């Protein structure tokens, strides 16, 4: 193995120092680390793009629904319009509450005393489901953001060890021999940082956006619960 390492170290001065050459001339373990970090970076960006599109679409959907909901349109008409669709976000919350409302009154003997609790429970379950959808895969960003630099550092340490073995085997300590091996090793750390920095920034931003969307759902649930509570009291009084 020392002979192979020495051969790589001696051949390195003639090689061009480019990103691709640094990868191909690196040790197998370092190559695996670089490839894994590159795939992790691609996975991170796929999650980031997916979440940005999801959150933008959800905000527009919430804005449109709130505009329609507070326009004075009949709740029954709005329910009939939305119940036939595959709803997400705020419309799903509205449909779930209205469905429980209608089921209780269509049974012929609605349990008025527990109806409000059932509606609130249904909306809580829907909110939790939507929040889980918002937060899905964000843990991947947090994991890559936290572990990426250390994985890259592992590749760097391994690469430096290999470079020193090559120097010892070749008995040549010139900078031309040392530099390529050190550059290959440090390249692993650079890829780790490229993968982890966007992951950390995106996790913080997307987590905040997911919390804000969940807060809007909870605020609407409280407002809609108050509306239904008034209607329950009016029917009970009648």
C-alpha atoms as a PDB file:
ATOM      1  CA  UNK A   1       0.000   0.000   0.000  1.00  0.00           C
ATOM      2  CA  UNK A   2       2.860   2.384   0.767  1.00  0.00           C
ATOM      3  CA  UNK A   3       4.221   1.892  -2.750  1.00  0.00           C
ATOM      4  CA  UNK A   4       0.869   2.829  -4.246  1.00  0.00           C
ATOM      5  CA  UNK A   5       0.605   5.887  -2.036  1.00  0.00           C
ATOM      6  CA  UNK A   6       4.106   6.921  -2.992  1.00  0.00           C
ATOM      7  CA  UNK A   7       3.298   6.536  -6.677  1.00  0.00           C
ATOM      8  CA  UNK A   8       0.232   8.766  -6.286  1.00  0.00           C
ATOM      9  CA  UNK A   9       2.250  11.337  -4.361  1.00  0.00           C
ATOM     10  CA  UNK A  10       4.999  11.421  -6.985  1.00  0.00           C
ATOM     11  CA  UNK A  11       2.508  11.668  -9.854  1.00  0.00           C
ATOM     12  CA  UNK A  12       0.582  14.453  -8.184  1.00  0.00           C
ATOM     13  CA  UNK A  13       2.944  17.332  -9.098  1.00  0.00           C
ATOM     14  CA  UNK A  14       2.288  16.678 -12.804  1.00  0.00           C
ATOM     15  CA  UNK A  15      -1.481  16.737 -12.341  1.00  0.00           C
ATOM     16  CA  UNK A  16      -3.538  19.857 -12.774  1.00  0.00           C
ATOM     17  CA  UNK A  17      -5.028  21.169  -9.575  1.00  0.00           C
ATOM     18  CA  UNK A  18      -8.710  21.342 -10.551  1.00  0.00           C
ATOM     19  CA  UNK A  19     -11.783  20.295  -8.606  1.00  0.00           C
ATOM     20  CA  UNK A  20     -12.326  17.249 -10.789  1.00  0.00           C
ATOM     21  CA  UNK A  21      -8.678  16.193 -10.609  1.00  0.00           C
ATOM     22  CA  UNK A  22      -8.690  16.642  -6.839  1.00  0.00           C
ATOM     23  CA  UNK A  23     -11.628  14.244  -6.628  1.00  0.00           C
ATOM     24  CA  UNK A  24     -10.222  11.562  -8.931  1.00  0.00           C
ATOM     25  CA  UNK A  25      -6.766  11.611  -7.388  1.00  0.00           C
ATOM     26  CA  UNK A  26      -8.083  11.361  -3.820  1.00  0.00           C
ATOM     27  CA  UNK A  27      -8.065   8.170  -1.754  1.00  0.00           C
ATOM     28  CA  UNK A  28     -11.087   5.878  -2.097  1.00  0.00           C
ATOM     29  CA  UNK A  29     -12.349   6.729   1.398  1.00  0.00           C
ATOM     30  CA  UNK A  30     -12.069  10.448   0.655  1.00  0.00           C
ATOM     31  CA  UNK A  31     -13.883   9.927  -2.647  1.00  0.00           C
ATOM     32  CA  UNK A  32     -16.740   8.209  -0.825  1.00  0.00           C
ATOM     33  CA  UNK A  33     -16.942  11.080   1.652  1.00  0.00           C
ATOM     34  CA  UNK A  34     -17.009  13.660  -1.157  1.00  0.00           C
ATOM     35  CA  UNK A  35     -19.629  11.723  -3.125  1.00  0.00           C
ATOM     36  CA  UNK A  36     -21.807  11.308  -0.054  1.00  0.00           C
ATOM     37  CA  UNK A  37     -21.612  14.996   0.780  1.00  0.00           C
ATOM     38  CA  UNK A  38     -22.405  15.934  -2.820  1.00  0.00           C
ATOM     39  CA  UNK A  39     -25.502  13.718  -2.796  1.00  0.00           C
ATOM     40  CA  UNK A  40     -26.500  15.180   0.571  1.00  0.00           C
ATOM     41  CA  UNK A  41     -26.181  18.677  -0.899  1.00  0.00           C
ATOM     42  CA  UNK A  42     -28.406  17.723  -3.850  1.00  0.00           C
ATOM     43  CA  UNK A  43     -30.949  16.228  -1.423  1.00  0.00           C
ATOM     44  CA  UNK A  44     -30.890  19.434   0.640  1.00  0.00           C
ATOM     45  CA  UNK A  45     -31.559  21.644  -2.369  1.00  0.00           C
ATOM     46  CA  UNK A  46     -34.379  19.353  -3.510  1.00  0.00           C
ATOM     47  CA  UNK A  47     -36.026  19.719  -0.089  1.00  0.00           C
ATOM     48  CA  UNK A  48     -35.447  23.483  -0.072  1.00  0.00           C
ATOM     49  CA  UNK A  49     -37.028  23.988  -3.498  1.00  0.00           C
ATOM     50  CA  UNK A  50     -39.957  21.713  -2.620  1.00  0.00           C
ATOM     51  CA  UNK A  51     -40.638  23.547   0.661  1.00  0.00           C
ATOM     52  CA  UNK A  52     -40.350  27.011  -0.865  1.00  0.00           C
ATOM     53  CA  UNK A  53     -42.898  26.068  -3.542  1.00  0.00           C
ATOM     54  CA  UNK A  54     -45.173  24.425  -0.951  1.00  0.00           C
ATOM     55  CA  UNK A  55     -45.108  27.416   1.403  1.00  0.00           C
ATOM     56  CA  UNK A  56     -45.703  29.940  -1.382  1.00  0.00           C
ATOM     57  CA  UNK A  57     -48.644  27.904  -2.685  1.00  0.00           C
ATOM     58  CA  UNK A  58     -50.041  27.469   0.838  1.00  0.00           C
ATOM     59  CA  UNK A  59     -49.839  31.211   1.582  1.00  0.00           C
ATOM     60  CA  UNK A  60     -51.666  32.067  -1.635  1.00  0.00           C
ATOM     61  CA  UNK A  61     -54.279  29.428  -0.857  1.00  0.00           C
ATOM     62  CA  UNK A  62     -54.788  30.774   2.661  1.00  0.00           C
ATOM     63  CA  UNK A  63     -55.071  34.365   1.430  1.00  0.00           C
ATOM     64  CA  UNK A  64     -57.653  33.380  -1.175  1.00  0.00           C
ATOM     65  CA  UNK A  65     -59.661  31.266   1.267  1.00  0.00           C
ATOM     66  CA  UNK A  66     -59.738  33.965   3.941  1.00  0.00           C
ATOM     67  CA  UNK A  67     -60.889  36.482   1.363  1.00  0.00           C
ATOM     68  CA  UNK A  68     -63.748  34.193   0.316  1.00  0.00           C
ATOM     69  CA  UNK A  69     -64.586  33.146   3.883  1.00  0.00           C
ATOM     70  CA  UNK A  70     -64.897  36.699   5.197  1.00  0.00           C
ATOM     71  CA  UNK A  71     -66.717  37.949   2.094  1.00  0.00           C
ATOM     72  CA  UNK A  72     -70.068  37.025   3.607  1.00  0.00           C
ATOM     73  CA  UNK A  73     -70.669  33.904   1.525  1.00  0.00           C
ATOM     74  CA  UNK A  74     -72.877  31.285   3.143  1.00  0.00           C
ATOM     75  CA  UNK A  75     -70.929  28.657   5.053  1.00  0.00           C
ATOM     76  CA  UNK A  76     -73.153  25.966   3.542  1.00  0.00           C
ATOM     77  CA  UNK A  77     -72.394  27.138   0.003  1.00  0.00           C
ATOM     78  CA  UNK A  78     -68.691  27.332   0.733  1.00  0.00           C
ATOM     79  CA  UNK A  79     -68.774  23.858   2.263  1.00  0.00           C
ATOM     80  CA  UNK A  80     -70.543  22.383  -0.766  1.00  0.00           C
ATOM     81  CA  UNK A  81     -67.964  23.962  -3.037  1.00  0.00           C
ATOM     82  CA  UNK A  82     -64.969  22.699  -1.080  1.00  0.00           C
ATOM     83  CA  UNK A  83     -66.204  19.318   0.120  1.00  0.00           C
ATOM     84  CA  UNK A  84     -65.837  17.771  -3.336  1.00  0.00           C
ATOM     85  CA  UNK A  85     -62.171  18.775  -3.564  1.00  0.00           C
ATOM     86  CA  UNK A  86     -58.952  17.388  -2.130  1.00  0.00           C
ATOM     87  CA  UNK A  87     -58.277  20.213   0.312  1.00  0.00           C
ATOM     88  CA  UNK A  88     -55.099  21.215   2.080  1.00  0.00           C
ATOM     89  CA  UNK A  89     -54.323  23.876   4.647  1.00  0.00           C
ATOM     90  CA  UNK A  90     -57.091  26.220   5.749  1.00  0.00           C
ATOM     91  CA  UNK A  91     -59.805  24.807   3.437  1.00  0.00           C
ATOM     92  CA  UNK A  92     -59.144  21.342   4.889  1.00  0.00           C
ATOM     93  CA  UNK A  93     -59.599  22.781   8.382  1.00  0.00           C
ATOM     94  CA  UNK A  94     -62.890  24.401   7.407  1.00  0.00           C
ATOM     95  CA  UNK A  95     -64.236  21.279   5.695  1.00  0.00           C
ATOM     96  CA  UNK A  96     -63.316  19.034   8.644  1.00  0.00           C
ATOM     97  CA  UNK A  97     -65.142  21.286  11.112  1.00  0.00           C
ATOM     98  CA  UNK A  98     -68.192  21.699   8.893  1.00  0.00           C
ATOM     99  CA  UNK A  99     -68.374  17.961   8.232  1.00  0.00           C
ATOM    100  CA  UNK A 100     -68.476  17.256  11.971  1.00  0.00           C
ATOM    101  CA  UNK A 101     -71.087  19.987  12.388  1.00  0.00           C
ATOM    102  CA  UNK A 102     -73.336  18.513   9.681  1.00  0.00           C
ATOM    103  CA  UNK A 103     -72.912  14.938  10.866  1.00  0.00           C
ATOM    104  CA  UNK A 104     -74.010  15.913  14.374  1.00  0.00           C
ATOM    105  CA  UNK A 105     -77.143  17.699  13.151  1.00  0.00           C
ATOM    106  CA  UNK A 106     -78.037  15.159  10.488  1.00  0.00           C
ATOM    107  CA  UNK A 107     -78.080  12.376  13.076  1.00  0.00           C
ATOM    108  CA  UNK A 108     -81.445  13.694  14.261  1.00  0.00           C
ATOM    109  CA  UNK A 109     -80.433  14.014  17.921  1.00  0.00           C
ATOM    110  CA  UNK A 110     -77.300  16.168  18.063  1.00  0.00           C
ATOM    111  CA  UNK A 111     -75.409  16.085  21.330  1.00  0.00           C
ATOM    112  CA  UNK A 112     -75.169  19.856  21.693  1.00  0.00           C
ATOM    113  CA  UNK A 113     -73.183  19.688  24.905  1.00  0.00           C
ATOM    114  CA  UNK A 114     -70.236  17.831  23.356  1.00  0.00           C
ATOM    115  CA  UNK A 115     -70.510  19.157  19.791  1.00  0.00           C
ATOM    116  CA  UNK A 116     -68.159  22.071  20.412  1.00  0.00           C
ATOM    117  CA  UNK A 117     -65.546  19.749  21.893  1.00  0.00           C
ATOM    118  CA  UNK A 118     -65.782  17.382  18.927  1.00  0.00           C
ATOM    119  CA  UNK A 119     -65.406  20.229  16.445  1.00  0.00           C
ATOM    120  CA  UNK A 120     -62.378  21.586  18.303  1.00  0.00           C
ATOM    121  CA  UNK A 121     -60.865  18.096  18.407  1.00  0.00           C
ATOM    122  CA  UNK A 122     -61.371  17.605  14.682  1.00  0.00           C
ATOM    123  CA  UNK A 123     -59.728  20.942  13.932  1.00  0.00           C
ATOM    124  CA  UNK A 124     -56.802  20.152  16.250  1.00  0.00           C
ATOM    125  CA  UNK A 125     -56.206  16.864  14.428  1.00  0.00           C
ATOM    126  CA  UNK A 126     -56.332  18.631  11.063  1.00  0.00           C
ATOM    127  CA  UNK A 127     -53.905  21.325  12.226  1.00  0.00           C
ATOM    128  CA  UNK A 128     -51.466  18.708  13.512  1.00  0.00           C
ATOM    129  CA  UNK A 129     -51.661  16.867  10.197  1.00  0.00           C
ATOM    130  CA  UNK A 130     -50.969  20.043   8.234  1.00  0.00           C
ATOM    131  CA  UNK A 131     -48.116  21.109  10.521  1.00  0.00           C
ATOM    132  CA  UNK A 132     -46.535  17.669  10.120  1.00  0.00           C
ATOM    133  CA  UNK A 133     -46.730  18.151   6.361  1.00  0.00           C
ATOM    134  CA  UNK A 134     -45.046  21.548   6.664  1.00  0.00           C
ATOM    135  CA  UNK A 135     -42.266  20.140   8.847  1.00  0.00           C
ATOM    136  CA  UNK A 136     -41.651  16.947   6.879  1.00  0.00           C
ATOM    137  CA  UNK A 137     -38.017  16.495   5.785  1.00  0.00           C
ATOM    138  CA  UNK A 138     -36.855  19.568   7.715  1.00  0.00           C
ATOM    139  CA  UNK A 139     -35.076  17.207  10.095  1.00  0.00           C
ATOM    140  CA  UNK A 140     -32.971  16.086   7.131  1.00  0.00           C
ATOM    141  CA  UNK A 141     -31.747  19.666   6.689  1.00  0.00           C
ATOM    142  CA  UNK A 142     -30.917  19.916  10.384  1.00  0.00           C
ATOM    143  CA  UNK A 143     -29.036  16.603  10.324  1.00  0.00           C
ATOM    144  CA  UNK A 144     -26.970  17.467   7.251  1.00  0.00           C
ATOM    145  CA  UNK A 145     -26.320  20.969   8.536  1.00  0.00           C
ATOM    146  CA  UNK A 146     -24.999  19.630  11.832  1.00  0.00           C
ATOM    147  CA  UNK A 147     -23.044  16.623  10.557  1.00  0.00           C
ATOM    148  CA  UNK A 148     -21.768  17.870   7.173  1.00  0.00           C
ATOM    149  CA  UNK A 149     -18.668  19.694   8.490  1.00  0.00           C
ATOM    150  CA  UNK A 150     -17.663  16.724  10.655  1.00  0.00           C
ATOM    151  CA  UNK A 151     -18.071  14.251   7.801  1.00  0.00           C
ATOM    152  CA  UNK A 152     -15.968  16.535   5.603  1.00  0.00           C
ATOM    153  CA  UNK A 153     -13.396  16.800   8.396  1.00  0.00           C
ATOM    154  CA  UNK A 154     -13.218  13.021   8.563  1.00  0.00           C
ATOM    155  CA  UNK A 155     -12.390  12.945   4.852  1.00  0.00           C
ATOM    156  CA  UNK A 156      -9.776  15.649   5.390  1.00  0.00           C
ATOM    157  CA  UNK A 157      -8.087  13.769   8.227  1.00  0.00           C
ATOM    158  CA  UNK A 158      -8.039  10.574   6.207  1.00  0.00           C
ATOM    159  CA  UNK A 159      -6.644  12.406   3.174  1.00  0.00           C
ATOM    160  CA  UNK A 160      -3.888  14.066   5.201  1.00  0.00           C
ATOM    161  CA  UNK A 161      -2.939  10.705   6.707  1.00  0.00           C
ATOM    162  CA  UNK A 162      -2.686   9.252   3.209  1.00  0.00           C
ATOM    163  CA  UNK A 163      -0.640  12.233   2.009  1.00  0.00           C
ATOM    164  CA  UNK A 164       1.826  11.848   4.891  1.00  0.00           C
ATOM    165  CA  UNK A 165       2.157   8.129   4.156  1.00  0.00           C
ATOM    166  CA  UNK A 166       2.988   9.036   0.570  1.00  0.00           C
ATOM    167  CA  UNK A 167       5.603  11.533   1.693  1.00  0.00           C
ATOM    168  CA  UNK A 168       7.175   8.977   4.000  1.00  0.00           C
ATOM    169  CA  UNK A 169       7.181   6.298   1.292  1.00  0.00           C
ATOM    170  CA  UNK A 170       8.638   8.585  -1.382  1.00  0.00           C
ATOM    171  CA  UNK A 171      11.101  10.257   1.023  1.00  0.00           C
ATOM    172  CA  UNK A 172      10.403  13.521  -0.762  1.00  0.00           C
ATOM    173  CA  UNK A 173       9.272  16.461   1.376  1.00  0.00           C
ATOM    174  CA  UNK A 174       9.132  19.123  -1.324  1.00  0.00           C
ATOM    175  CA  UNK A 175       6.069  21.350  -1.473  1.00  0.00           C
ATOM    176  CA  UNK A 176       5.239  20.014  -4.932  1.00  0.00           C
ATOM    177  CA  UNK A 177       4.708  16.575  -3.403  1.00  0.00           C
ATOM    178  CA  UNK A 178       2.895  17.743  -0.269  1.00  0.00           C
ATOM    179  CA  UNK A 179       0.519  20.298  -1.796  1.00  0.00           C
ATOM    180  CA  UNK A 180      -1.692  18.056  -3.995  1.00  0.00           C
ATOM    181  CA  UNK A 181      -2.408  15.569  -1.206  1.00  0.00           C
ATOM    182  CA  UNK A 182      -3.237  18.332   1.268  1.00  0.00           C
ATOM    183  CA  UNK A 183      -5.444  20.041  -1.320  1.00  0.00           C
ATOM    184  CA  UNK A 184      -7.375  16.816  -1.928  1.00  0.00           C
ATOM    185  CA  UNK A 185      -7.907  16.419   1.804  1.00  0.00           C
ATOM    186  CA  UNK A 186      -9.074  19.995   2.324  1.00  0.00           C
ATOM    187  CA  UNK A 187     -11.443  19.665  -0.628  1.00  0.00           C
ATOM    188  CA  UNK A 188     -13.512  17.222   1.453  1.00  0.00           C
ATOM    189  CA  UNK A 189     -13.961  19.840   4.177  1.00  0.00           C
ATOM    190  CA  UNK A 190     -14.967  22.408   1.561  1.00  0.00           C
ATOM    191  CA  UNK A 191     -17.672  20.108   0.190  1.00  0.00           C
ATOM    192  CA  UNK A 192     -18.898  19.488   3.740  1.00  0.00           C
ATOM    193  CA  UNK A 193     -19.286  23.224   4.271  1.00  0.00           C
ATOM    194  CA  UNK A 194     -21.010  23.648   0.894  1.00  0.00           C
ATOM    195  CA  UNK A 195     -23.545  21.022   1.952  1.00  0.00           C
ATOM    196  CA  UNK A 196     -24.043  22.163   5.549  1.00  0.00           C
ATOM    197  CA  UNK A 197     -24.199  25.980   5.294  1.00  0.00           C
ATOM    198  CA  UNK A 198     -27.266  26.141   2.992  1.00  0.00           C
ATOM    199  CA  UNK A 199     -28.880  23.345   5.022  1.00  0.00           C
ATOM    200  CA  UNK A 200     -28.549  25.278   8.302  1.00  0.00           C
ATOM    201  CA  UNK A 201     -29.779  28.557   6.802  1.00  0.00           C
ATOM    202  CA  UNK A 202     -32.687  26.869   5.037  1.00  0.00           C
ATOM    203  CA  UNK A 203     -33.676  24.896   8.143  1.00  0.00           C
ATOM    204  CA  UNK A 204     -33.911  28.040  10.262  1.00  0.00           C
ATOM    205  CA  UNK A 205     -35.874  29.932   7.602  1.00  0.00           C
ATOM    206  CA  UNK A 206     -38.226  27.086   6.658  1.00  0.00           C
ATOM    207  CA  UNK A 207     -38.869  26.161  10.298  1.00  0.00           C
ATOM    208  CA  UNK A 208     -39.891  29.757  10.955  1.00  0.00           C
ATOM    209  CA  UNK A 209     -42.168  29.763   7.895  1.00  0.00           C
ATOM    210  CA  UNK A 210     -43.745  26.461   8.934  1.00  0.00           C
ATOM    211  CA  UNK A 211     -44.422  27.872  12.413  1.00  0.00           C
ATOM    212  CA  UNK A 212     -46.005  30.988  10.913  1.00  0.00           C
ATOM    213  CA  UNK A 213     -48.305  28.926   8.694  1.00  0.00           C
ATOM    214  CA  UNK A 214     -49.250  26.738  11.644  1.00  0.00           C
ATOM    215  CA  UNK A 215     -50.033  29.881  13.636  1.00  0.00           C
ATOM    216  CA  UNK A 216     -52.373  31.101  10.890  1.00  0.00           C
ATOM    217  CA  UNK A 217     -54.195  27.773  10.963  1.00  0.00           C
ATOM    218  CA  UNK A 218     -54.601  27.958  14.750  1.00  0.00           C
ATOM    219  CA  UNK A 219     -55.839  31.558  14.551  1.00  0.00           C
ATOM    220  CA  UNK A 220     -58.450  30.638  11.956  1.00  0.00           C
ATOM    221  CA  UNK A 221     -59.481  27.595  13.999  1.00  0.00           C
ATOM    222  CA  UNK A 222     -60.111  29.824  17.031  1.00  0.00           C
ATOM    223  CA  UNK A 223     -62.145  32.297  14.979  1.00  0.00           C
ATOM    224  CA  UNK A 224     -64.178  29.606  13.254  1.00  0.00           C
ATOM    225  CA  UNK A 225     -64.724  27.797  16.545  1.00  0.00           C
ATOM    226  CA  UNK A 226     -66.163  30.999  17.998  1.00  0.00           C
ATOM    227  CA  UNK A 227     -68.540  31.349  15.026  1.00  0.00           C
ATOM    228  CA  UNK A 228     -69.775  27.775  15.385  1.00  0.00           C
ATOM    229  CA  UNK A 229     -70.054  28.178  19.147  1.00  0.00           C
ATOM    230  CA  UNK A 230     -72.428  31.113  18.676  1.00  0.00           C
ATOM    231  CA  UNK A 231     -74.537  29.099  16.257  1.00  0.00           C
ATOM    232  CA  UNK A 232     -74.649  26.184  18.684  1.00  0.00           C
ATOM    233  CA  UNK A 233     -75.835  28.489  21.467  1.00  0.00           C
ATOM    234  CA  UNK A 234     -78.492  30.026  19.187  1.00  0.00           C
ATOM    235  CA  UNK A 235     -79.841  26.606  18.169  1.00  0.00           C
ATOM    236  CA  UNK A 236     -79.776  25.384  21.749  1.00  0.00           C
ATOM    237  CA  UNK A 237     -81.663  28.481  22.894  1.00  0.00           C
ATOM    238  CA  UNK A 238     -84.228  28.011  20.104  1.00  0.00           C
END
